[in-house]
Amino acid sequence: MKKPFVSKEKLEEIAAQYPTPFYLYDEKGMRDNAKKVEQAFAWNKGFKEYFAVKATPTPRLLKILKEEGCGTDCSSYTELLMSDACGFKGSEIMFSSNVTPAEDFQLAKQLGVIINLDDITHIDFLEQVAGIPETICCRYNPGGHFAIANDIMDNPGDAKYGMTKKQLFEAYKILQAKGVKHFGMHAFLASNTVTNKYYPELARTMFQVAVEIKEQLGIGVEFINLSGGVGIPYKPQQPGNDILAIGAGVQKVYEEVLTPAGLGNVAIFTEMGRFMMGPYGALVTRAIHAKHIYKEYIGCDACAANLMRPAMYGSYHHITVMGKENARHDHKYDVTGGLCENNDKFAIDRMLPKIDNGDLLFIHDAGAHGFAMGYNYNGKLHCAELLLREDGSVEMIRRAETPADYFATFDFTGLFKNIK
């Protein structure tokens, strides 16, 4: 069974100060994991993890990862602003966007970040609106299905991201003619993989293309970004990824493909979000209602507006009833929120211990793509984010949204000026 990173007693203490629902993050877990990622790729002198800001766009957490040597991967204007405000500068930021507005490219160029072009048509667009930098990256999409040992992992051919191989080669030729001196390559072929073979297989695909680029174009790719896709085991019985084994697997392919081709100085980048943060954040909510009709329902003070993955994808998030970790799981519940949507459920037909009103529920593995995907449907407000420090203290790193925040964009009307 999954074990919360905080005790019931500590959680009740926190909830006495900060009303539920709230997100709680584990600083020690984050730091230990970041160090392990660095260790896994220490064999590559240029390695850098560019944390995917979209997964958890919270400044305090970004600063912790910066202290551990990470950069950031951004996909929008505001993520660029956040990274810059948190102290990430220049090549510490990757800008991987798609359908990119002019102002986003202009800010990226102004900040001197590494721009990752999603489409060959973006070359002319970038040149017109901001100018072509000396260092640039291109995103590759090989198309078709991506499989490991005949198991299909994902379908890049249906993805809107990246360039075909022909376009990729043409893009490098065009960019070289426009004065680019330093080239990178990026690809994302599968999401949330729970296998140590994904990164090495992806690396082989990209490394072989890099060798072809050198042989055919005379361009030596200087960095290769394996992007994200390294997942986490959401279900208790799932085995997790071994990042040390993954790093060793990439090293083996590197030495087989790149080194003999004279590309032994290529830097390896990653841009993981889920693996870096997912297990180290939880949504904490309190049971406030029990309903007995055709099924048994437990209603919480959190809802899909706080964590939408189960409603949107049918995703599994493990739930611990705090203080009842060792009790029999002999009650079948749908665990729900209060939205006017029937898919507002954190769990369906989940076997859990008997839940009483007032029990704290710890919803695991919500540290990535949790708070970030929140919304305001039904006028629901974003909850607070809290950090459980390594010394056991708790720090509020984002306050809960208020009705005044919700109505702030109507400030020009004067209708809600007295709401707090």
Protein backbone atom coordinates (compact mmCIF):
# COMPACT_ATOMS: atom_id res chain seq x y z
CA MET A 1 0.00 0.00 0.00
CA LYS A 2 1.10 3.56 -0.58
CA LYS A 3 2.19 5.37 2.55
CA PRO A 4 1.58 9.11 3.07
CA PHE A 5 4.67 11.22 3.66
CA VAL A 6 2.99 12.79 6.69
CA SER A 7 1.34 11.36 9.81
CA LYS A 8 -2.32 11.77 10.73
CA GLU A 9 -1.35 13.78 13.81
CA LYS A 10 0.78 16.17 11.77
CA LEU A 11 -1.90 16.49 9.13
CA GLU A 12 -4.56 17.35 11.70
CA GLU A 13 -2.20 19.95 13.10
CA ILE A 14 -1.75 21.44 9.62
CA ALA A 15 -5.47 21.36 8.89
CA ALA A 16 -6.17 23.23 12.12
CA GLN A 17 -4.21 26.16 10.69
CA TYR A 18 -4.96 25.81 6.98
CA PRO A 19 -8.52 24.69 6.15
CA THR A 20 -8.96 21.81 3.76
CA PRO A 21 -8.72 21.24 0.90
CA PHE A 22 -5.07 21.99 0.25
CA TYR A 23 -2.09 20.61 -1.59
CA LEU A 24 0.83 19.45 0.53
CA TYR A 25 4.33 18.92 -0.90
CA ASP A 26 7.22 16.95 0.57
CA GLU A 27 10.45 18.95 0.38
CA LYS A 28 12.72 16.07 1.40
CA GLY A 29 11.22 13.73 -1.15
CA MET A 30 11.64 16.32 -3.91
CA ARG A 31 15.26 17.03 -3.06
CA ASP A 32 16.23 13.37 -2.68
CA ASN A 33 14.63 12.54 -6.02
CA ALA A 34 16.35 15.45 -7.81
CA LYS A 35 19.71 14.29 -6.45
CA LYS A 36 19.03 10.77 -7.71
CA VAL A 37 18.22 12.04 -11.20
CA GLU A 38 21.48 13.98 -11.21
CA GLN A 39 23.32 10.85 -10.07
CA ALA A 40 21.70 8.76 -12.81
CA PHE A 41 23.10 11.00 -15.55
CA ALA A 42 26.35 12.08 -13.89
CA TRP A 43 28.25 10.21 -16.61
CA ASN A 44 27.23 12.97 -19.05
CA LYS A 45 29.12 16.16 -18.27
CA GLY A 46 26.54 18.40 -19.92
CA PHE A 47 23.45 16.83 -18.36
CA LYS A 48 20.65 19.04 -17.11
CA GLU A 49 17.09 18.36 -16.01
CA TYR A 50 14.71 21.07 -17.22
CA PHE A 51 11.68 20.69 -14.98
CA ALA A 52 8.41 21.00 -16.90
CA VAL A 53 6.85 24.09 -15.31
CA LYS A 54 3.40 23.18 -16.62
CA ALA A 55 3.34 20.23 -14.21
CA THR A 56 3.61 22.34 -11.06
CA PRO A 57 3.94 26.10 -11.67
CA THR A 58 4.65 27.11 -8.07
CA PRO A 59 7.60 29.49 -7.51
CA ARG A 60 8.70 28.08 -4.15
CA LEU A 61 8.95 24.59 -5.61
CA LEU A 62 10.78 25.84 -8.70
CA LYS A 63 13.34 27.51 -6.46
CA ILE A 64 13.92 24.25 -4.58
CA LEU A 65 14.60 22.48 -7.87
CA LYS A 66 16.92 25.31 -8.92
CA GLU A 67 18.92 24.74 -5.74
CA GLU A 68 19.24 21.11 -6.84
CA GLY A 69 20.68 22.13 -10.21
CA CYS A 70 17.57 21.95 -12.37
CA GLY A 71 16.50 24.31 -15.10
CA THR A 72 12.95 24.85 -16.33
CA ASP A 73 11.03 23.88 -19.43
CA CYS A 74 8.41 26.48 -20.38
CA SER A 75 5.61 26.43 -22.91
CA SER A 76 4.06 29.90 -22.55
CA TYR A 77 4.68 33.59 -21.93
CA THR A 78 3.67 33.42 -18.27
CA GLU A 79 5.80 30.34 -17.58
CA LEU A 80 8.77 32.26 -19.00
CA LEU A 81 7.98 35.18 -16.69
CA MET A 82 7.71 32.86 -13.71
CA SER A 83 11.01 31.12 -14.46
CA ASP A 84 12.80 34.44 -14.87
CA ALA A 85 11.32 35.77 -11.62
CA CYS A 86 12.51 32.61 -9.82
CA GLY A 87 16.09 33.25 -10.91
CA PHE A 88 16.42 30.96 -13.92
CA LYS A 89 18.39 32.75 -16.61
CA GLY A 90 19.36 32.22 -20.24
CA SER A 91 20.22 28.63 -21.07
CA GLU A 92 18.76 27.45 -17.75
CA ILE A 93 15.38 27.77 -19.52
CA MET A 94 14.08 25.74 -22.47
CA PHE A 95 11.11 27.17 -24.35
CA SER A 96 9.16 24.29 -25.91
CA SER A 97 5.90 25.64 -27.26
CA ASN A 98 3.52 25.01 -30.12
CA VAL A 99 1.13 27.27 -32.04
CA THR A 100 3.34 29.99 -30.57
CA PRO A 101 2.19 33.65 -30.45
CA ALA A 102 4.63 36.33 -31.53
CA GLU A 103 4.92 37.83 -28.05
CA ASP A 104 5.99 34.48 -26.61
CA PHE A 105 8.87 34.17 -29.08
CA GLN A 106 9.80 37.80 -28.47
CA LEU A 107 10.06 37.28 -24.71
CA ALA A 108 11.99 34.03 -25.15
CA LYS A 109 14.48 35.78 -27.43
CA GLN A 110 14.73 38.74 -25.04
CA LEU A 111 15.49 36.41 -22.10
CA GLY A 112 18.08 34.49 -24.11
CA VAL A 113 16.50 31.10 -23.43
CA ILE A 114 16.92 28.01 -25.59
CA ILE A 115 14.10 28.06 -28.13
CA ASN A 116 12.78 24.68 -29.24
CA LEU A 117 10.97 25.02 -32.58
CA ASP A 118 7.92 22.81 -33.00
CA ASP A 119 7.38 23.33 -36.74
CA ILE A 120 9.45 24.19 -39.78
CA THR A 121 7.16 27.15 -40.56
CA HIS A 122 8.14 28.67 -37.24
CA ILE A 123 11.60 29.46 -38.58
CA ASP A 124 10.36 32.30 -40.78
CA PHE A 125 7.86 33.38 -38.14
CA LEU A 126 10.52 33.55 -35.43
CA GLU A 127 12.86 35.47 -37.75
CA GLN A 128 10.14 38.01 -38.52
CA VAL A 129 8.94 38.63 -34.99
CA ALA A 130 12.10 38.24 -32.89
CA GLY A 131 15.13 37.17 -34.92
CA ILE A 132 16.99 33.87 -35.09
CA PRO A 133 19.32 33.17 -32.13
CA GLU A 134 22.71 31.47 -32.47
CA THR A 135 21.51 28.46 -30.42
CA ILE A 136 18.31 26.69 -31.35
CA CYS A 137 16.59 23.33 -30.91
CA CYS A 138 14.17 21.49 -33.21
CA ARG A 139 11.45 19.08 -32.18
CA TYR A 140 11.32 15.74 -34.00
CA ASN A 141 8.26 13.53 -34.50
CA PRO A 142 9.07 10.19 -36.18
CA GLY A 143 5.38 9.42 -36.78
CA GLY A 144 3.76 6.00 -36.63
CA HIS A 145 3.60 4.04 -33.39
CA PHE A 146 6.33 4.00 -30.77
CA ALA A 147 6.79 0.48 -29.42
CA ILE A 148 9.10 -1.29 -27.02
CA ALA A 149 9.41 -5.06 -27.55
CA ASN A 150 6.23 -4.99 -29.67
CA ASP A 151 4.28 -3.23 -26.92
CA ILE A 152 2.86 0.00 -28.31
CA MET A 153 3.67 2.80 -25.87
CA ASP A 154 2.03 5.68 -27.75
CA ASN A 155 1.13 6.99 -31.19
CA PRO A 156 3.38 9.91 -32.23
CA GLY A 157 1.75 9.93 -35.65
CA ASP A 158 -1.43 11.30 -34.08
CA ALA A 159 0.39 13.94 -32.03
CA LYS A 160 0.34 17.57 -33.13
CA TYR A 161 3.94 18.12 -32.00
CA GLY A 162 7.20 18.19 -33.89
CA MET A 163 8.56 17.88 -37.42
CA THR A 164 8.83 14.95 -39.77
CA LYS A 165 12.31 13.63 -40.41
CA LYS A 166 12.44 15.32 -43.81
CA GLN A 167 11.32 18.62 -42.30
CA LEU A 168 13.83 18.27 -39.47
CA PHE A 169 16.76 17.95 -41.86
CA GLU A 170 15.49 20.84 -43.99
CA ALA A 171 15.04 22.96 -40.86
CA TYR A 172 18.65 22.43 -39.81
CA LYS A 173 19.88 23.42 -43.28
CA ILE A 174 17.76 26.58 -43.27
CA LEU A 175 18.79 27.53 -39.74
CA GLN A 176 22.48 26.98 -40.49
CA ALA A 177 22.15 29.29 -43.50
CA LYS A 178 20.55 31.89 -41.24
CA GLY A 179 23.55 31.89 -38.89
CA VAL A 180 22.67 29.36 -36.20
CA LYS A 181 25.87 27.97 -34.68
CA HIS A 182 24.63 25.60 -31.96
CA PHE A 183 21.96 22.98 -32.56
CA GLY A 184 19.84 20.78 -30.35
CA MET A 185 17.21 18.11 -30.92
CA HIS A 186 14.11 17.25 -28.89
CA ALA A 187 11.45 14.54 -29.04
CA PHE A 188 8.56 13.31 -26.91
CA LEU A 189 7.15 9.96 -28.00
CA ALA A 190 5.18 8.52 -25.06
CA SER A 191 3.52 9.74 -21.87
CA ASN A 192 3.77 8.38 -18.32
CA THR A 193 5.74 5.26 -19.18
CA VAL A 194 6.48 2.90 -16.31
CA THR A 195 9.37 0.98 -17.81
CA ASN A 196 13.11 1.45 -17.56
CA LYS A 197 13.36 0.83 -21.32
CA TYR A 198 11.58 3.98 -22.54
CA TYR A 199 14.38 6.54 -22.31
CA PRO A 200 17.04 4.18 -23.76
CA GLU A 201 14.78 3.31 -26.72
CA LEU A 202 13.89 6.96 -27.28
CA ALA A 203 17.57 7.85 -27.00
CA ARG A 204 18.49 5.27 -29.65
CA THR A 205 15.94 6.75 -32.05
CA MET A 206 17.24 10.28 -31.50
CA PHE A 207 20.93 9.37 -31.43
CA GLN A 208 20.67 7.58 -34.78
CA VAL A 209 19.05 10.64 -36.34
CA ALA A 210 21.78 12.85 -34.86
CA VAL A 211 24.41 10.66 -36.54
CA GLU A 212 22.57 10.97 -39.87
CA ILE A 213 22.41 14.74 -39.48
CA LYS A 214 26.16 14.88 -38.99
CA GLU A 215 26.86 12.58 -41.91
CA GLN A 216 24.46 14.24 -44.35
CA LEU A 217 24.55 17.89 -43.28
CA GLY A 218 27.85 18.21 -41.47
CA ILE A 219 26.01 19.56 -38.43
CA GLY A 220 27.03 18.25 -35.03
CA VAL A 221 24.03 18.35 -32.71
CA GLU A 222 25.34 19.64 -29.36
CA PHE A 223 22.49 18.64 -27.07
CA ILE A 224 19.68 16.11 -27.21
CA ASN A 225 16.60 16.61 -25.05
CA LEU A 226 14.85 13.34 -24.17
CA SER A 227 11.95 15.42 -22.84
CA GLY A 228 9.57 13.79 -20.35
CA GLY A 229 7.45 10.67 -20.43
CA VAL A 230 9.11 8.90 -17.51
CA GLY A 231 6.11 8.08 -15.37
CA ILE A 232 5.23 7.08 -11.84
CA PRO A 233 3.29 4.11 -10.43
CA TYR A 234 -0.10 5.54 -9.51
CA LYS A 235 -1.39 2.16 -8.34
CA PRO A 236 0.11 0.49 -5.26
CA GLN A 237 0.85 -2.78 -7.06
CA GLN A 238 2.67 -1.10 -9.96
CA PRO A 239 6.47 -1.30 -10.00
CA GLY A 240 8.09 2.10 -10.35
CA ASN A 241 10.86 3.29 -12.62
CA ASP A 242 14.48 2.94 -11.52
CA ILE A 243 16.07 6.20 -12.62
CA LEU A 244 19.57 4.84 -12.03
CA ALA A 245 18.86 1.93 -14.38
CA ILE A 246 17.33 4.36 -16.88
CA GLY A 247 20.42 6.57 -16.81
CA ALA A 248 22.68 3.54 -17.26
CA GLY A 249 20.54 2.40 -20.19
CA VAL A 250 20.87 5.76 -21.92
CA GLN A 251 24.64 5.71 -21.31
CA LYS A 252 24.93 2.30 -22.97
CA VAL A 253 23.12 3.51 -26.10
CA TYR A 254 25.15 6.75 -26.08
CA GLU A 255 28.39 4.75 -26.15
CA GLU A 256 27.05 2.44 -28.86
CA VAL A 257 25.70 5.11 -31.20
CA LEU A 258 27.05 8.60 -30.53
CA THR A 259 30.60 8.04 -29.34
CA PRO A 260 31.76 5.98 -32.35
CA ALA A 261 30.29 8.65 -34.64
CA GLY A 262 32.42 11.38 -33.07
CA LEU A 263 29.51 12.79 -31.07
CA GLY A 264 30.82 11.85 -27.64
CA ASN A 265 30.43 15.39 -26.30
CA VAL A 266 26.67 15.69 -26.85
CA ALA A 267 24.90 16.94 -23.71
CA ILE A 268 21.81 15.05 -22.56
CA PHE A 269 18.84 17.04 -21.29
CA THR A 270 15.59 15.83 -19.76
CA GLU A 271 12.41 17.76 -18.95
CA MET A 272 10.50 15.59 -16.55
CA GLY A 273 7.51 16.90 -14.62
CA ARG A 274 5.58 13.93 -13.33
CA PHE A 275 8.65 11.95 -12.23
CA MET A 276 10.21 14.97 -10.54
CA MET A 277 7.17 16.08 -8.58
CA GLY A 278 4.22 13.68 -8.84
CA PRO A 279 4.81 11.45 -5.80
CA TYR A 280 5.82 14.40 -3.62
CA GLY A 281 2.51 16.23 -3.65
CA ALA A 282 -0.90 15.22 -2.32
CA LEU A 283 -4.37 16.71 -2.27
CA VAL A 284 -5.67 16.69 1.29
CA THR A 285 -9.42 16.86 1.71
CA ARG A 286 -11.95 16.15 4.43
CA ALA A 287 -15.04 13.93 4.19
CA ILE A 288 -18.06 16.13 4.87
CA HIS A 289 -21.06 14.07 3.70
CA ALA A 290 -22.09 10.43 3.29
CA LYS A 291 -24.89 9.58 0.89
CA HIS A 292 -26.68 6.24 0.72
CA ILE A 293 -28.77 5.69 -2.41
CA TYR A 294 -28.12 3.16 -5.16
CA LYS A 295 -24.46 3.38 -4.28
CA GLU A 296 -22.48 4.56 -1.28
CA TYR A 297 -21.00 8.03 -1.73
CA ILE A 298 -18.47 9.95 0.32
CA GLY A 299 -18.56 13.67 -0.38
CA CYS A 300 -15.40 15.74 0.14
CA ASP A 301 -14.66 19.44 0.44
CA ALA A 302 -12.35 19.07 -2.59
CA CYS A 303 -13.66 18.43 -6.09
CA ALA A 304 -12.52 17.91 -9.67
CA ALA A 305 -11.78 21.64 -9.86
CA ASN A 306 -8.93 20.90 -7.45
CA LEU A 307 -7.78 17.65 -9.12
CA MET A 308 -9.29 16.96 -12.51
CA ARG A 309 -7.25 13.95 -13.67
CA PRO A 310 -9.73 11.30 -12.46
CA ALA A 311 -12.66 13.15 -14.03
CA MET A 312 -10.84 13.97 -17.28
CA TYR A 313 -8.90 10.75 -17.89
CA GLY A 314 -10.40 8.21 -15.50
CA SER A 315 -7.00 8.28 -13.82
CA TYR A 316 -6.35 6.31 -10.65
CA HIS A 317 -5.14 8.19 -7.58
CA HIS A 318 -4.64 6.15 -4.44
CA ILE A 319 -6.54 7.37 -1.38
CA THR A 320 -5.46 6.89 2.24
CA VAL A 321 -8.01 7.46 4.98
CA MET A 322 -5.75 9.00 7.59
CA GLY A 323 -5.66 7.08 10.86
CA LYS A 324 -7.26 4.04 9.25
CA GLU A 325 -4.26 2.83 7.26
CA ASN A 326 -4.41 -0.62 8.82
CA ALA A 327 -8.20 -0.98 8.90
CA ARG A 328 -9.97 -3.44 6.64
CA HIS A 329 -10.93 -2.15 3.21
CA ASP A 330 -14.43 -3.52 3.44
CA HIS A 331 -16.57 -0.61 2.23
CA LYS A 332 -17.15 0.21 -1.44
CA TYR A 333 -17.44 3.94 -2.16
CA ASP A 334 -17.57 6.51 -4.88
CA VAL A 335 -15.51 9.38 -3.49
CA THR A 336 -16.88 12.61 -4.91
CA GLY A 337 -16.72 16.37 -4.87
CA GLY A 338 -19.51 18.91 -5.05
CA LEU A 339 -19.45 19.97 -8.69
CA CYS A 340 -22.62 19.82 -10.76
CA GLU A 341 -20.99 17.16 -12.92
CA ASN A 342 -21.41 13.43 -12.45
CA ASN A 343 -17.77 12.75 -13.37
CA ASP A 344 -16.66 14.72 -10.30
CA LYS A 345 -15.27 11.60 -8.64
CA PHE A 346 -11.84 10.88 -7.19
CA ALA A 347 -12.64 7.17 -7.04
CA ILE A 348 -15.39 4.87 -8.29
CA ASP A 349 -16.30 1.61 -6.55
CA ARG A 350 -13.14 1.92 -4.46
CA MET A 351 -12.71 -0.48 -1.54
CA LEU A 352 -11.72 1.60 1.48
CA PRO A 353 -12.04 1.51 5.26
CA LYS A 354 -15.26 2.87 6.69
CA ILE A 355 -15.15 6.64 6.25
CA ASP A 356 -16.77 8.95 8.76
CA ASN A 357 -17.54 12.63 8.34
CA GLY A 358 -14.48 14.58 9.39
CA ASP A 359 -11.94 11.98 8.25
CA LEU A 360 -8.97 13.36 6.37
CA LEU A 361 -8.32 11.81 2.98
CA PHE A 362 -4.83 11.88 1.52
CA ILE A 363 -5.00 11.67 -2.29
CA HIS A 364 -1.61 10.47 -3.47
CA ASP A 365 0.59 11.36 -6.44
CA ALA A 366 -1.01 14.73 -7.13
CA GLY A 367 2.22 16.72 -7.17
CA ALA A 368 2.30 17.04 -10.95
CA HIS A 369 -0.62 18.04 -13.19
CA GLY A 370 -2.74 18.44 -10.08
CA PHE A 371 -3.07 22.01 -8.84
CA ALA A 372 -1.84 23.22 -12.25
CA MET A 373 -4.89 21.85 -14.05
CA GLY A 374 -7.36 23.38 -11.58
CA TYR A 375 -10.24 25.53 -12.73
CA ASN A 376 -13.15 27.63 -11.45
CA TYR A 377 -16.24 25.82 -12.72
CA ASN A 378 -19.26 26.34 -10.44
CA GLY A 379 -17.34 29.23 -8.93
CA LYS A 380 -15.07 26.82 -7.06
CA LEU A 381 -11.92 28.47 -5.77
CA HIS A 382 -8.33 27.29 -6.03
CA CYS A 383 -7.07 25.89 -2.75
CA ALA A 384 -3.85 26.67 -0.90
CA GLU A 385 -0.50 24.98 -1.52
CA LEU A 386 1.66 24.11 1.47
CA LEU A 387 5.22 22.84 1.80
CA LEU A 388 6.22 20.30 4.43
CA ARG A 389 9.78 21.37 5.11
CA GLU A 390 12.62 18.98 5.81
CA ASP A 391 12.65 20.15 9.45
CA GLY A 392 8.96 19.28 9.87
CA SER A 393 7.67 22.85 9.71
CA VAL A 394 4.98 23.88 7.25
CA GLU A 395 5.12 26.85 4.90
CA MET A 396 2.26 28.28 2.89
CA ILE A 397 3.59 28.67 -0.65
CA ARG A 398 0.33 29.72 -2.28
CA ARG A 399 -2.65 31.10 -0.39
CA ALA A 400 -6.16 29.90 -1.09
CA GLU A 401 -8.09 31.86 -3.67
CA THR A 402 -10.81 34.16 -2.36
CA PRO A 403 -14.09 35.35 -3.89
CA ALA A 404 -12.37 38.70 -4.44
CA ASP A 405 -9.75 36.92 -6.58
CA TYR A 406 -12.48 35.18 -8.55
CA PHE A 407 -14.21 38.47 -9.31
CA ALA A 408 -10.97 40.42 -9.90
CA THR A 409 -11.30 40.46 -13.68
CA PHE A 410 -14.59 42.34 -13.27
CA ASP A 411 -12.88 45.14 -11.32
CA PHE A 412 -13.70 47.60 -14.10
CA THR A 413 -17.44 47.14 -13.49
CA GLY A 414 -17.61 48.09 -9.82
CA LEU A 415 -20.15 45.31 -9.20
CA PHE A 416 -18.04 43.31 -6.76
CA LYS A 417 -15.94 46.00 -5.06
CA ASN A 418 -17.11 45.06 -1.55
CA ILE A 419 -16.44 41.33 -1.84
CA LYS A 420 -13.44 39.94 0.00
